[in-house]
Structure formats: C-alpha cells, structure tokens
C-alpha cells in the first residue's frame, strides 16, 4: 500500500522549489511528488519511500526539513449500502433488505426493461 509523506521545508523561491524537487525525485519507489511553495510543504507518495530518506535528500540541498505526517495515501472508501451497491452495479431495482418494512417482489418472469415490479 502506498503511503503519503508530508514534509515541511523552508523554501522561499522557485529555485528552492526546483532544488527540492530534483533532490527528492532521485529516490526510488516514488509515485508522485508535489511542492506547495506558499505552505512550504513537500508531499511524496509512493510504495517503498522512507520518510527519513526524503528528509536527508532535502537537507542535502541546504534546506531545513521536518516530517509532518506519514500515513496511507488515501482514506479507505466508506462501506456502501446494498441499495447503493445495486445502483452502482447497474441493477435497475433496489435490493430487498431487512431494513425496509416494504418487500419488493419481482414478477415471474422479470421484465427488467419495462420495470415490472410489485410492491406488497
């Protein structure tokens, strides 16, 4: 799983930004690198990236660097309810669950094109 590393770096100009980017992109295992000059923040995303290695590379440019966060690159998706999942999967009718007091019964044979559905 890829991880996201946020590092605070004292950068004040485009040259600083370029130097930091060049130094960090030499590391292996990096998928994405971004620098926000206004916030003085470096963000590195990758599978096998060591936060200490990132800081060491930045320090070789003469800049101060401080690790802010290290964590997963994105938050896991929230669980999807059965009804939402049926809509996402392209199934035209809601899934019957114990949550709803109304039962949805599909006539035999089901006519999905005309929406043959009986609610009891």
PDB file of N, CA and C in Angstrom:
ATOM      1  N   UNK A   1       0.848  -1.181   0.000  1.00  0.00           N
ATOM      2  CA  UNK A   1       0.000   0.000   0.000  1.00  0.00           C
ATOM      3  C   UNK A   1       0.886   1.233   0.000  1.00  0.00           C
ATOM      4  N   UNK A   2       0.522   2.192  -0.813  1.00  0.00           N
ATOM      5  CA  UNK A   2       1.354   3.385  -0.891  1.00  0.00           C
ATOM      6  C   UNK A   2       1.091   4.296   0.306  1.00  0.00           C
ATOM      7  N   UNK A   3       2.123   5.057   0.650  1.00  0.00           N
ATOM      8  CA  UNK A   3       1.975   5.969   1.785  1.00  0.00           C
ATOM      9  C   UNK A   3       2.265   7.397   1.341  1.00  0.00           C
ATOM     10  N   UNK A   4       1.719   8.310   2.096  1.00  0.00           N
ATOM     11  CA  UNK A   4       1.865   9.738   1.819  1.00  0.00           C
ATOM     12  C   UNK A   4       2.720  10.345   2.924  1.00  0.00           C
ATOM     13  N   UNK A   5       3.775  11.047   2.505  1.00  0.00           N
ATOM     14  CA  UNK A   5       4.692  11.679   3.449  1.00  0.00           C
ATOM     15  C   UNK A   5       4.615  13.186   3.237  1.00  0.00           C
ATOM     16  N   UNK A   6       4.310  13.924   4.291  1.00  0.00           N
ATOM     17  CA  UNK A   6       4.274  15.387   4.225  1.00  0.00           C
ATOM     18  C   UNK A   6       5.447  15.922   5.015  1.00  0.00           C
ATOM     19  N   UNK A   7       6.235  16.778   4.361  1.00  0.00           N
ATOM     20  CA  UNK A   7       7.440  17.327   4.977  1.00  0.00           C
ATOM     21  C   UNK A   7       7.395  18.845   4.851  1.00  0.00           C
ATOM     22  N   UNK A   8       7.622  19.532   5.973  1.00  0.00           N
ATOM     23  CA  UNK A   8       7.723  20.994   5.954  1.00  0.00           C
ATOM     24  C   UNK A   8       9.160  21.355   5.595  1.00  0.00           C
ATOM     25  N   UNK A   9       9.312  22.202   4.567  1.00  0.00           N
ATOM     26  CA  UNK A   9      10.641  22.580   4.074  1.00  0.00           C
ATOM     27  C   UNK A   9      10.698  24.096   3.953  1.00  0.00           C
ATOM     28  N   UNK A  10      11.815  24.702   4.400  1.00  0.00           N
ATOM     29  CA  UNK A  10      11.935  26.161   4.302  1.00  0.00           C
ATOM     30  C   UNK A  10      12.331  26.537   2.868  1.00  0.00           C
ATOM     31  N   UNK A  11      11.310  26.849   2.059  1.00  0.00           N
ATOM     32  CA  UNK A  11      11.501  27.266   0.661  1.00  0.00           C
ATOM     33  C   UNK A  11      10.922  28.664   0.494  1.00  0.00           C
ATOM     34  N   UNK A  12      11.629  29.482  -0.290  1.00  0.00           N
ATOM     35  CA  UNK A  12      11.177  30.863  -0.432  1.00  0.00           C
ATOM     36  C   UNK A  12      11.053  31.320  -1.878  1.00  0.00           C
ATOM     37  N   UNK A  13      11.579  30.530  -2.837  1.00  0.00           N
ATOM     38  CA  UNK A  13      11.550  30.947  -4.233  1.00  0.00           C
ATOM     39  C   UNK A  13      11.444  29.723  -5.143  1.00  0.00           C
ATOM     40  N   UNK A  14      11.312  29.973  -6.436  1.00  0.00           N
ATOM     41  CA  UNK A  14      11.202  28.886  -7.408  1.00  0.00           C
ATOM     42  C   UNK A  14      12.472  28.046  -7.465  1.00  0.00           C
ATOM     43  N   UNK A  15      13.619  28.662  -7.253  1.00  0.00           N
ATOM     44  CA  UNK A  15      14.874  27.907  -7.262  1.00  0.00           C
ATOM     45  C   UNK A  15      14.891  26.906  -6.111  1.00  0.00           C
ATOM     46  N   UNK A  16      14.448  27.342  -4.942  1.00  0.00           N
ATOM     47  CA  UNK A  16      14.353  26.432  -3.788  1.00  0.00           C
ATOM     48  C   UNK A  16      13.432  25.262  -4.124  1.00  0.00           C
ATOM     49  N   UNK A  17      12.294  25.586  -4.695  1.00  0.00           N
ATOM     50  CA  UNK A  17      11.307  24.567  -5.061  1.00  0.00           C
ATOM     51  C   UNK A  17      11.908  23.565  -6.039  1.00  0.00           C
ATOM     52  N   UNK A  18      12.573  24.055  -7.066  1.00  0.00           N
ATOM     53  CA  UNK A  18      13.195  23.194  -8.073  1.00  0.00           C
ATOM     54  C   UNK A  18      14.276  22.315  -7.467  1.00  0.00           C
ATOM     55  N   UNK A  19      15.113  22.891  -6.610  1.00  0.00           N
ATOM     56  CA  UNK A  19      16.181  22.122  -5.967  1.00  0.00           C
ATOM     57  C   UNK A  19      15.615  20.971  -5.127  1.00  0.00           C
ATOM     58  N   UNK A  20      14.552  21.254  -4.375  1.00  0.00           N
ATOM     59  CA  UNK A  20      13.928  20.238  -3.534  1.00  0.00           C
ATOM     60  C   UNK A  20      13.318  19.133  -4.400  1.00  0.00           C
ATOM     61  N   UNK A  21      12.608  19.527  -5.456  1.00  0.00           N
ATOM     62  CA  UNK A  21      12.008  18.535  -6.347  1.00  0.00           C
ATOM     63  C   UNK A  21      13.062  17.640  -6.982  1.00  0.00           C
ATOM     64  N   UNK A  22      14.146  18.240  -7.473  1.00  0.00           N
ATOM     65  CA  UNK A  22      15.215  17.463  -8.111  1.00  0.00           C
ATOM     66  C   UNK A  22      15.844  16.484  -7.135  1.00  0.00           C
ATOM     67  N   UNK A  23      16.054  16.916  -5.915  1.00  0.00           N
ATOM     68  CA  UNK A  23      16.717  16.041  -4.948  1.00  0.00           C
ATOM     69  C   UNK A  23      15.838  14.855  -4.555  1.00  0.00           C
ATOM     70  N   UNK A  24      14.554  15.080  -4.398  1.00  0.00           N
ATOM     71  CA  UNK A  24      13.649  14.028  -3.931  1.00  0.00           C
ATOM     72  C   UNK A  24      13.295  13.048  -5.046  1.00  0.00           C
ATOM     73  N   UNK A  25      13.175  13.523  -6.270  1.00  0.00           N
ATOM     74  CA  UNK A  25      12.774  12.639  -7.366  1.00  0.00           C
ATOM     75  C   UNK A  25      13.835  11.591  -7.687  1.00  0.00           C
ATOM     76  N   UNK A  26      15.031  11.718  -7.150  1.00  0.00           N
ATOM     77  CA  UNK A  26      16.082  10.724  -7.361  1.00  0.00           C
ATOM     78  C   UNK A  26      15.858   9.467  -6.525  1.00  0.00           C
ATOM     79  N   UNK A  27      14.990   9.535  -5.532  1.00  0.00           N
ATOM     80  CA  UNK A  27      14.693   8.370  -4.692  1.00  0.00           C
ATOM     81  C   UNK A  27      13.850   7.362  -5.471  1.00  0.00           C
ATOM     82  N   UNK A  28      14.024   6.085  -5.161  1.00  0.00           N
ATOM     83  CA  UNK A  28      13.234   5.053  -5.837  1.00  0.00           C
ATOM     84  C   UNK A  28      11.933   4.807  -5.079  1.00  0.00           C
ATOM     85  N   UNK A  29      10.939   4.295  -5.798  1.00  0.00           N
ATOM     86  CA  UNK A  29       9.658   3.950  -5.182  1.00  0.00           C
ATOM     87  C   UNK A  29       8.668   5.088  -5.095  1.00  0.00           C
ATOM     88  N   UNK A  30       8.984   6.224  -5.715  1.00  0.00           N
ATOM     89  CA  UNK A  30       8.102   7.386  -5.642  1.00  0.00           C
ATOM     90  C   UNK A  30       7.102   7.345  -6.798  1.00  0.00           C
ATOM     91  N   UNK A  31       5.822   7.536  -6.471  1.00  0.00           N
ATOM     92  CA  UNK A  31       4.779   7.608  -7.484  1.00  0.00           C
ATOM     93  C   UNK A  31       4.413   9.049  -7.817  1.00  0.00           C
ATOM     94  N   UNK A  32       4.489   9.926  -6.816  1.00  0.00           N
ATOM     95  CA  UNK A  32       4.041  11.307  -7.008  1.00  0.00           C
ATOM     96  C   UNK A  32       4.769  12.229  -6.043  1.00  0.00           C
ATOM     97  N   UNK A  33       5.158  13.414  -6.545  1.00  0.00           N
ATOM     98  CA  UNK A  33       5.809  14.424  -5.711  1.00  0.00           C
ATOM     99  C   UNK A  33       5.153  15.764  -6.014  1.00  0.00           C
ATOM    100  N   UNK A  34       4.844  16.524  -4.974  1.00  0.00           N
ATOM    101  CA  UNK A  34       4.319  17.873  -5.183  1.00  0.00           C
ATOM    102  C   UNK A  34       4.888  18.803  -4.128  1.00  0.00           C
ATOM    103  N   UNK A  35       5.029  20.072  -4.517  1.00  0.00           N
ATOM    104  CA  UNK A  35       5.557  21.090  -3.613  1.00  0.00           C
ATOM    105  C   UNK A  35       4.609  22.276  -3.614  1.00  0.00           C
ATOM    106  N   UNK A  36       4.211  22.704  -2.432  1.00  0.00           N
ATOM    107  CA  UNK A  36       3.412  23.917  -2.268  1.00  0.00           C
ATOM    108  C   UNK A  36       4.335  24.966  -1.677  1.00  0.00           C
ATOM    109  N   UNK A  37       4.726  25.919  -2.510  1.00  0.00           N
ATOM    110  CA  UNK A  37       5.695  26.932  -2.094  1.00  0.00           C
ATOM    111  C   UNK A  37       5.121  27.860  -1.022  1.00  0.00           C
ATOM    112  N   UNK A  38       3.835  28.206  -1.137  1.00  0.00           N
ATOM    113  CA  UNK A  38       3.220  29.102  -0.151  1.00  0.00           C
ATOM    114  C   UNK A  38       3.168  28.463   1.237  1.00  0.00           C
ATOM    115  N   UNK A  39       2.793  27.195   1.286  1.00  0.00           N
ATOM    116  CA  UNK A  39       2.698  26.496   2.572  1.00  0.00           C
ATOM    117  C   UNK A  39       4.031  25.904   3.000  1.00  0.00           C
ATOM    118  N   UNK A  40       5.025  25.963   2.109  1.00  0.00           N
ATOM    119  CA  UNK A  40       6.346  25.383   2.348  1.00  0.00           C
ATOM    120  C   UNK A  40       6.215  23.905   2.699  1.00  0.00           C
ATOM    121  N   UNK A  41       5.458  23.187   1.861  1.00  0.00           N
ATOM    122  CA  UNK A  41       5.150  21.790   2.126  1.00  0.00           C
ATOM    123  C   UNK A  41       5.525  20.924   0.924  1.00  0.00           C
ATOM    124  N   UNK A  42       6.208  19.833   1.213  1.00  0.00           N
ATOM    125  CA  UNK A  42       6.571  18.821   0.230  1.00  0.00           C
ATOM    126  C   UNK A  42       5.736  17.586   0.518  1.00  0.00           C
ATOM    127  N   UNK A  43       5.082  17.033  -0.511  1.00  0.00           N
ATOM    128  CA  UNK A  43       4.275  15.826  -0.351  1.00  0.00           C
ATOM    129  C   UNK A  43       4.825  14.772  -1.303  1.00  0.00           C
ATOM    130  N   UNK A  44       5.168  13.613  -0.737  1.00  0.00           N
ATOM    131  CA  UNK A  44       5.714  12.498  -1.511  1.00  0.00           C
ATOM    132  C   UNK A  44       4.801  11.299  -1.305  1.00  0.00           C
ATOM    133  N   UNK A  45       4.385  10.670  -2.417  1.00  0.00           N
ATOM    134  CA  UNK A  45       3.533   9.487  -2.360  1.00  0.00           C
ATOM    135  C   UNK A  45       4.257   8.354  -3.072  1.00  0.00           C
ATOM    136  N   UNK A  46       4.321   7.196  -2.422  1.00  0.00           N
ATOM    137  CA  UNK A  46       4.970   6.047  -3.024  1.00  0.00           C
ATOM    138  C   UNK A  46       4.862   4.809  -2.159  1.00  0.00           C
ATOM    139  N   UNK A  47       5.219   3.665  -2.757  1.00  0.00           N
ATOM    140  CA  UNK A  47       5.106   2.396  -2.040  1.00  0.00           C
ATOM    141  C   UNK A  47       6.259   2.161  -1.070  1.00  0.00           C
ATOM    142  N   UNK A  48       7.460   2.303  -1.554  1.00  0.00           N
ATOM    143  CA  UNK A  48       8.638   1.960  -0.743  1.00  0.00           C
ATOM    144  C   UNK A  48       9.486   3.189  -0.428  1.00  0.00           C
ATOM    145  N   UNK A  49       8.838   4.278  -0.068  1.00  0.00           N
ATOM    146  CA  UNK A  49       9.561   5.519   0.214  1.00  0.00           C
ATOM    147  C   UNK A  49       9.785   5.638   1.720  1.00  0.00           C
ATOM    148  N   UNK A  50      11.021   5.872   2.099  1.00  0.00           N
ATOM    149  CA  UNK A  50      11.377   6.029   3.502  1.00  0.00           C
ATOM    150  C   UNK A  50      11.343   7.512   3.857  1.00  0.00           C
ATOM    151  N   UNK A  51      10.565   7.923   4.850  1.00  0.00           N
ATOM    152  CA  UNK A  51      10.479   9.328   5.231  1.00  0.00           C
ATOM    153  C   UNK A  51      11.834   9.923   5.617  1.00  0.00           C
ATOM    154  N   UNK A  52      12.675   9.138   6.270  1.00  0.00           N
ATOM    155  CA  UNK A  52      13.994   9.629   6.674  1.00  0.00           C
ATOM    156  C   UNK A  52      14.848   9.912   5.435  1.00  0.00           C
ATOM    157  N   UNK A  53      14.755   9.067   4.423  1.00  0.00           N
ATOM    158  CA  UNK A  53      15.497   9.285   3.181  1.00  0.00           C
ATOM    159  C   UNK A  53      15.051  10.573   2.491  1.00  0.00           C
ATOM    160  N   UNK A  54      13.749  10.839   2.538  1.00  0.00           N
ATOM    161  CA  UNK A  54      13.225  12.073   1.938  1.00  0.00           C
ATOM    162  C   UNK A  54      13.826  13.281   2.643  1.00  0.00           C
ATOM    163  N   UNK A  55      13.825  13.270   3.965  1.00  0.00           N
ATOM    164  CA  UNK A  55      14.370  14.393   4.739  1.00  0.00           C
ATOM    165  C   UNK A  55      15.870  14.550   4.482  1.00  0.00           C
ATOM    166  N   UNK A  56      16.595  13.441   4.428  1.00  0.00           N
ATOM    167  CA  UNK A  56      18.038  13.514   4.171  1.00  0.00           C
ATOM    168  C   UNK A  56      18.329  14.136   2.810  1.00  0.00           C
ATOM    169  N   UNK A  57      17.537  13.761   1.794  1.00  0.00           N
ATOM    170  CA  UNK A  57      17.721  14.341   0.454  1.00  0.00           C
ATOM    171  C   UNK A  57      17.462  15.844   0.467  1.00  0.00           C
ATOM    172  N   UNK A  58      16.416  16.252   1.164  1.00  0.00           N
ATOM    173  CA  UNK A  58      16.088  17.685   1.238  1.00  0.00           C
ATOM    174  C   UNK A  58      17.202  18.439   1.956  1.00  0.00           C
ATOM    175  N   UNK A  59      17.720  17.875   3.033  1.00  0.00           N
ATOM    176  CA  UNK A  59      18.778  18.545   3.799  1.00  0.00           C
ATOM    177  C   UNK A  59      20.056  18.699   2.982  1.00  0.00           C
ATOM    178  N   UNK A  60      20.298  17.803   2.020  1.00  0.00           N
ATOM    179  CA  UNK A  60      21.480  17.927   1.161  1.00  0.00           C
ATOM    180  C   UNK A  60      21.415  19.167   0.273  1.00  0.00           C
ATOM    181  N   UNK A  61      20.212  19.726   0.078  1.00  0.00           N
ATOM    182  CA  UNK A  61      20.074  20.958  -0.702  1.00  0.00           C
ATOM    183  C   UNK A  61      20.335  22.191   0.166  1.00  0.00           C
ATOM    184  N   UNK A  62      20.541  21.986   1.469  1.00  0.00           N
ATOM    185  CA  UNK A  62      20.784  23.110   2.375  1.00  0.00           C
ATOM    186  C   UNK A  62      19.525  23.636   3.028  1.00  0.00           C
ATOM    187  N   UNK A  63      18.420  22.949   2.845  1.00  0.00           N
ATOM    188  CA  UNK A  63      17.136  23.379   3.434  1.00  0.00           C
ATOM    189  C   UNK A  63      16.865  22.608   4.726  1.00  0.00           C
ATOM    190  N   UNK A  64      16.116  23.227   5.609  1.00  0.00           N
ATOM    191  CA  UNK A  64      15.646  22.533   6.808  1.00  0.00           C
ATOM    192  C   UNK A  64      14.395  21.753   6.430  1.00  0.00           C
ATOM    193  N   UNK A  65      14.261  20.567   6.985  1.00  0.00           N
ATOM    194  CA  UNK A  65      13.098  19.730   6.684  1.00  0.00           C
ATOM    195  C   UNK A  65      12.592  19.076   7.954  1.00  0.00           C
ATOM    196  N   UNK A  66      11.276  19.008   8.072  1.00  0.00           N
ATOM    197  CA  UNK A  66      10.653  18.423   9.263  1.00  0.00           C
ATOM    198  C   UNK A  66       9.475  17.565   8.808  1.00  0.00           C
ATOM    199  N   UNK A  67       9.459  16.298   9.207  1.00  0.00           N
ATOM    200  CA  UNK A  67       8.356  15.407   8.850  1.00  0.00           C
ATOM    201  C   UNK A  67       7.110  15.837   9.616  1.00  0.00           C
ATOM    202  N   UNK A  68       6.022  16.045   8.881  1.00  0.00           N
ATOM    203  CA  UNK A  68       4.751  16.444   9.485  1.00  0.00           C
ATOM    204  C   UNK A  68       3.850  15.217   9.681  1.00  0.00           C
ATOM    205  N   UNK A  69       3.609  14.465   8.602  1.00  0.00           N
ATOM    206  CA  UNK A  69       2.778  13.265   8.706  1.00  0.00           C
ATOM    207  C   UNK A  69       3.300  12.170   7.789  1.00  0.00           C
ATOM    208  N   UNK A  70       3.049  10.944   8.204  1.00  0.00           N
ATOM    209  CA  UNK A  70       3.307   9.769   7.379  1.00  0.00           C
ATOM    210  C   UNK A  70       2.088   8.873   7.552  1.00  0.00           C
ATOM    211  N   UNK A  71       1.448   8.532   6.432  1.00  0.00           N
ATOM    212  CA  UNK A  71       0.252   7.697   6.523  1.00  0.00           C
ATOM    213  C   UNK A  71      -0.154   7.173   5.174  1.00  0.00           C
ATOM    214  N   UNK A  72      -1.322   6.532   5.108  1.00  0.00           N
ATOM    215  CA  UNK A  72      -1.794   5.993   3.830  1.00  0.00           C
ATOM    216  C   UNK A  72      -2.057   7.123   2.843  1.00  0.00           C
ATOM    217  N   UNK A  73      -1.870   6.826   1.561  1.00  0.00           N
ATOM    218  CA  UNK A  73      -2.007   7.869   0.552  1.00  0.00           C
ATOM    219  C   UNK A  73      -3.441   8.334   0.378  1.00  0.00           C
ATOM    220  N   UNK A  74      -4.415   7.467   0.652  1.00  0.00           N
ATOM    221  CA  UNK A  74      -5.801   7.915   0.608  1.00  0.00           C
ATOM    222  C   UNK A  74      -6.592   7.171   1.654  1.00  0.00           C
ATOM    223  N   UNK A  75      -7.681   7.771   2.053  1.00  0.00           N
ATOM    224  CA  UNK A  75      -8.527   7.149   3.059  1.00  0.00           C
ATOM    225  C   UNK A  75      -9.308   6.005   2.411  1.00  0.00           C
ATOM    226  N   UNK A  76      -9.554   4.936   3.149  1.00  0.00           N
ATOM    227  CA  UNK A  76     -10.337   3.846   2.584  1.00  0.00           C
ATOM    228  C   UNK A  76     -11.757   4.308   2.286  1.00  0.00           C
ATOM    229  N   UNK A  77     -12.352   3.720   1.265  1.00  0.00           N
ATOM    230  CA  UNK A  77     -13.715   4.071   0.896  1.00  0.00           C
ATOM    231  C   UNK A  77     -14.681   3.618   1.983  1.00  0.00           C
ATOM    232  N   UNK A  78     -15.714   4.444   2.262  1.00  0.00           N
ATOM    233  CA  UNK A  78     -16.698   4.040   3.264  1.00  0.00           C
ATOM    234  C   UNK A  78     -17.510   2.864   2.744  1.00  0.00           C
ATOM    235  N   UNK A  79     -18.069   2.053   3.649  1.00  0.00           N
ATOM    236  CA  UNK A  79     -18.875   0.921   3.199  1.00  0.00           C
ATOM    237  C   UNK A  79     -20.102   1.406   2.432  1.00  0.00           C
ATOM    238  N   UNK A  80     -20.498   0.641   1.424  1.00  0.00           N
ATOM    239  CA  UNK A  80     -21.630   1.004   0.576  1.00  0.00           C
ATOM    240  C   UNK A  80     -22.827   0.163   0.982  1.00  0.00           C
ATOM    241  N   UNK A  81     -23.987   0.816   1.104  1.00  0.00           N
ATOM    242  CA  UNK A  81     -25.204   0.088   1.464  1.00  0.00           C
ATOM    243  C   UNK A  81     -25.632  -0.800   0.294  1.00  0.00           C
ATOM    244  N   UNK A  82     -26.404  -1.849   0.565  1.00  0.00           N
ATOM    245  CA  UNK A  82     -26.835  -2.735  -0.517  1.00  0.00           C
ATOM    246  C   UNK A  82     -27.614  -2.013  -1.606  1.00  0.00           C
ATOM    247  N   UNK A  83     -28.414  -1.033  -1.230  1.00  0.00           N
ATOM    248  CA  UNK A  83     -29.197  -0.308  -2.233  1.00  0.00           C
ATOM    249  C   UNK A  83     -28.278   0.491  -3.135  1.00  0.00           C
ATOM    250  N   UNK A  84     -27.314   1.202  -2.537  1.00  0.00           N
ATOM    251  CA  UNK A  84     -26.368   1.968  -3.347  1.00  0.00           C
ATOM    252  C   UNK A  84     -25.556   1.048  -4.236  1.00  0.00           C
ATOM    253  N   UNK A  85     -25.171  -0.106  -3.703  1.00  0.00           N
ATOM    254  CA  UNK A  85     -24.371  -1.039  -4.491  1.00  0.00           C
ATOM    255  C   UNK A  85     -25.161  -1.550  -5.688  1.00  0.00           C
ATOM    256  N   UNK A  86     -26.471  -1.776  -5.516  1.00  0.00           N
ATOM    257  CA  UNK A  86     -27.270  -2.240  -6.642  1.00  0.00           C
ATOM    258  C   UNK A  86     -27.360  -1.168  -7.720  1.00  0.00           C
ATOM    259  N   UNK A  87     -27.409   0.084  -7.315  1.00  0.00           N
ATOM    260  CA  UNK A  87     -27.457   1.181  -8.278  1.00  0.00           C
ATOM    261  C   UNK A  87     -26.118   1.319  -8.987  1.00  0.00           C
ATOM    262  N   UNK A  88     -25.021   1.210  -8.229  1.00  0.00           N
ATOM    263  CA  UNK A  88     -23.682   1.325  -8.807  1.00  0.00           C
ATOM    264  C   UNK A  88     -23.423   0.189  -9.784  1.00  0.00           C
ATOM    265  N   UNK A  89     -23.847  -1.020  -9.445  1.00  0.00           N
ATOM    266  CA  UNK A  89     -23.574  -2.170 -10.303  1.00  0.00           C
ATOM    267  C   UNK A  89     -24.447  -2.180 -11.555  1.00  0.00           C
ATOM    268  N   UNK A  90     -25.411  -1.295 -11.650  1.00  0.00           N
ATOM    269  CA  UNK A  90     -26.241  -1.214 -12.836  1.00  0.00           C
ATOM    270  C   UNK A  90     -27.531  -2.012 -12.727  1.00  0.00           C
ATOM    271  N   UNK A  91     -27.769  -2.674 -11.597  1.00  0.00           N
ATOM    272  CA  UNK A  91     -29.004  -3.420 -11.409  1.00  0.00           C
ATOM    273  C   UNK A  91     -30.118  -2.413 -11.225  1.00  0.00           C
ATOM    274  N   UNK A  92     -31.193  -2.501 -12.017  1.00  0.00           N
ATOM    275  CA  UNK A  92     -32.194  -1.426 -12.027  1.00  0.00           C
ATOM    276  C   UNK A  92     -33.114  -1.358 -10.820  1.00  0.00           C
ATOM    277  N   UNK A  93     -33.121  -2.403  -9.970  1.00  0.00           N
ATOM    278  CA  UNK A  93     -34.049  -2.415  -8.850  1.00  0.00           C
ATOM    279  C   UNK A  93     -33.302  -2.418  -7.532  1.00  0.00           C
ATOM    280  N   UNK A  94     -33.902  -1.853  -6.482  1.00  0.00           N
ATOM    281  CA  UNK A  94     -33.235  -1.876  -5.176  1.00  0.00           C
ATOM    282  C   UNK A  94     -33.172  -3.292  -4.618  1.00  0.00           C
ATOM    283  N   UNK A  95     -32.199  -3.522  -3.778  1.00  0.00           N
ATOM    284  CA  UNK A  95     -32.033  -4.814  -3.133  1.00  0.00           C
ATOM    285  C   UNK A  95     -32.903  -4.835  -1.886  1.00  0.00           C
ATOM    286  N   UNK A  96     -33.665  -5.903  -1.712  1.00  0.00           N
ATOM    287  CA  UNK A  96     -34.506  -6.031  -0.513  1.00  0.00           C
ATOM    288  C   UNK A  96     -33.632  -6.379   0.680  1.00  0.00           C
ATOM    289  N   UNK A  97     -33.788  -5.634   1.759  1.00  0.00           N
ATOM    290  CA  UNK A  97     -33.057  -5.931   2.988  1.00  0.00           C
ATOM    291  C   UNK A  97     -34.017  -5.881   4.147  1.00  0.00           C
ATOM    292  N   UNK A  98     -33.566  -6.303   5.301  1.00  0.00           N
ATOM    293  CA  UNK A  98     -34.411  -6.286   6.499  1.00  0.00           C
ATOM    294  C   UNK A  98     -34.642  -4.875   7.014  1.00  0.00           C
ATOM    295  N   UNK A  99     -33.919  -3.906   6.470  1.00  0.00           N
ATOM    296  CA  UNK A  99     -34.011  -2.536   6.943  1.00  0.00           C
ATOM    297  C   UNK A  99     -35.351  -1.907   6.576  1.00  0.00           C
ATOM    298  N   UNK A 100     -35.912  -2.308   5.433  1.00  0.00           N
ATOM    299  CA  UNK A 100     -37.122  -1.672   4.927  1.00  0.00           C
ATOM    300  C   UNK A 100     -38.336  -2.557   5.199  1.00  0.00           C
ATOM    301  N   UNK A 101     -39.428  -1.968   5.718  1.00  0.00           N
ATOM    302  CA  UNK A 101     -40.607  -2.769   6.038  1.00  0.00           C
ATOM    303  C   UNK A 101     -41.376  -3.214   4.795  1.00  0.00           C
ATOM    304  N   UNK A 102     -41.159  -2.581   3.659  1.00  0.00           N
ATOM    305  CA  UNK A 102     -41.877  -2.907   2.436  1.00  0.00           C
ATOM    306  C   UNK A 102     -41.054  -3.923   1.649  1.00  0.00           C
ATOM    307  N   UNK A 103     -41.689  -4.990   1.226  1.00  0.00           N
ATOM    308  CA  UNK A 103     -40.993  -6.016   0.443  1.00  0.00           C
ATOM    309  C   UNK A 103     -41.187  -5.721  -1.034  1.00  0.00           C
ATOM    310  N   UNK A 104     -40.153  -5.858  -1.798  1.00  0.00           N
ATOM    311  CA  UNK A 104     -40.227  -5.684  -3.241  1.00  0.00           C
ATOM    312  C   UNK A 104     -40.184  -7.075  -3.850  1.00  0.00           C
ATOM    313  N   UNK A 105     -41.216  -7.400  -4.631  1.00  0.00           N
ATOM    314  CA  UNK A 105     -41.312  -8.712  -5.258  1.00  0.00           C
ATOM    315  C   UNK A 105     -41.254  -8.520  -6.760  1.00  0.00           C
ATOM    316  N   UNK A 106     -40.418  -9.278  -7.420  1.00  0.00           N
ATOM    317  CA  UNK A 106     -40.288  -9.193  -8.867  1.00  0.00           C
ATOM    318  C   UNK A 106     -41.174 -10.256  -9.500  1.00  0.00           C
ATOM    319  N   UNK A 107     -42.014  -9.848 -10.460  1.00  0.00           N
ATOM    320  CA  UNK A 107     -42.901 -10.825 -11.086  1.00  0.00           C
ATOM    321  C   UNK A 107     -42.096 -11.848 -11.888  1.00  0.00           C
ATOM    322  N   UNK A 108     -42.678 -13.017 -12.063  1.00  0.00           N
ATOM    323  CA  UNK A 108     -42.022 -14.070 -12.838  1.00  0.00           C
ATOM    324  C   UNK A 108     -42.626 -14.104 -14.214  1.00  0.00           C
ATOM    325  N   UNK A 109     -41.959 -14.091 -15.300  1.00  0.00           N
ATOM    326  CA  UNK A 109     -40.558 -13.747 -15.386  1.00  0.00           C
ATOM    327  C   UNK A 109     -40.383 -12.244 -15.234  1.00  0.00           C
ATOM    328  N   UNK A 110     -39.238 -11.823 -14.729  1.00  0.00           N
ATOM    329  CA  UNK A 110     -38.957 -10.404 -14.529  1.00  0.00           C
ATOM    330  C   UNK A 110     -38.791  -9.721 -15.870  1.00  0.00           C
ATOM    331  N   UNK A 111     -39.441  -8.580 -15.989  1.00  0.00           N
ATOM    332  CA  UNK A 111     -39.281  -7.778 -17.215  1.00  0.00           C
ATOM    333  C   UNK A 111     -38.493  -6.541 -16.817  1.00  0.00           C
ATOM    334  N   UNK A 112     -37.165  -6.612 -16.934  1.00  0.00           N
ATOM    335  CA  UNK A 112     -36.287  -5.535 -16.475  1.00  0.00           C
ATOM    336  C   UNK A 112     -36.405  -4.281 -17.334  1.00  0.00           C
ATOM    337  N   UNK A 113     -36.790  -4.453 -18.593  1.00  0.00           N
ATOM    338  CA  UNK A 113     -36.849  -3.278 -19.480  1.00  0.00           C
ATOM    339  C   UNK A 113     -38.051  -2.401 -19.168  1.00  0.00           C
ATOM    340  N   UNK A 114     -39.191  -2.989 -18.825  1.00  0.00           N
ATOM    341  CA  UNK A 114     -40.382  -2.183 -18.538  1.00  0.00           C
ATOM    342  C   UNK A 114     -40.521  -1.890 -17.065  1.00  0.00           C
ATOM    343  N   UNK A 115     -39.669  -2.480 -16.253  1.00  0.00           N
ATOM    344  CA  UNK A 115     -39.707  -2.183 -14.821  1.00  0.00           C
ATOM    345  C   UNK A 115     -40.788  -2.936 -14.097  1.00  0.00           C
ATOM    346  N   UNK A 116     -41.030  -4.186 -14.495  1.00  0.00           N
ATOM    347  CA  UNK A 116     -42.057  -4.992 -13.866  1.00  0.00           C
ATOM    348  C   UNK A 116     -41.733  -5.284 -12.420  1.00  0.00           C
ATOM    349  N   UNK A 117     -42.355  -4.577 -11.479  1.00  0.00           N
ATOM    350  CA  UNK A 117     -42.047  -4.711 -10.076  1.00  0.00           C
ATOM    351  C   UNK A 117     -43.329  -4.538  -9.281  1.00  0.00           C
ATOM    352  N   UNK A 118     -43.547  -5.404  -8.309  1.00  0.00           N
ATOM    353  CA  UNK A 118     -44.737  -5.316  -7.487  1.00  0.00           C
ATOM    354  C   UNK A 118     -44.314  -5.035  -6.063  1.00  0.00           C
ATOM    355  N   UNK A 119     -44.929  -4.017  -5.449  1.00  0.00           N
ATOM    356  CA  UNK A 119     -44.638  -3.710  -4.057  1.00  0.00           C
ATOM    357  C   UNK A 119     -45.805  -4.183  -3.210  1.00  0.00           C
ATOM    358  N   UNK A 120     -45.542  -5.011  -2.209  1.00  0.00           N
ATOM    359  CA  UNK A 120     -46.604  -5.546  -1.353  1.00  0.00           C
ATOM    360  C   UNK A 120     -46.590  -4.878  -0.012  1.00  0.00           C
TER     361      UNK A 120
END
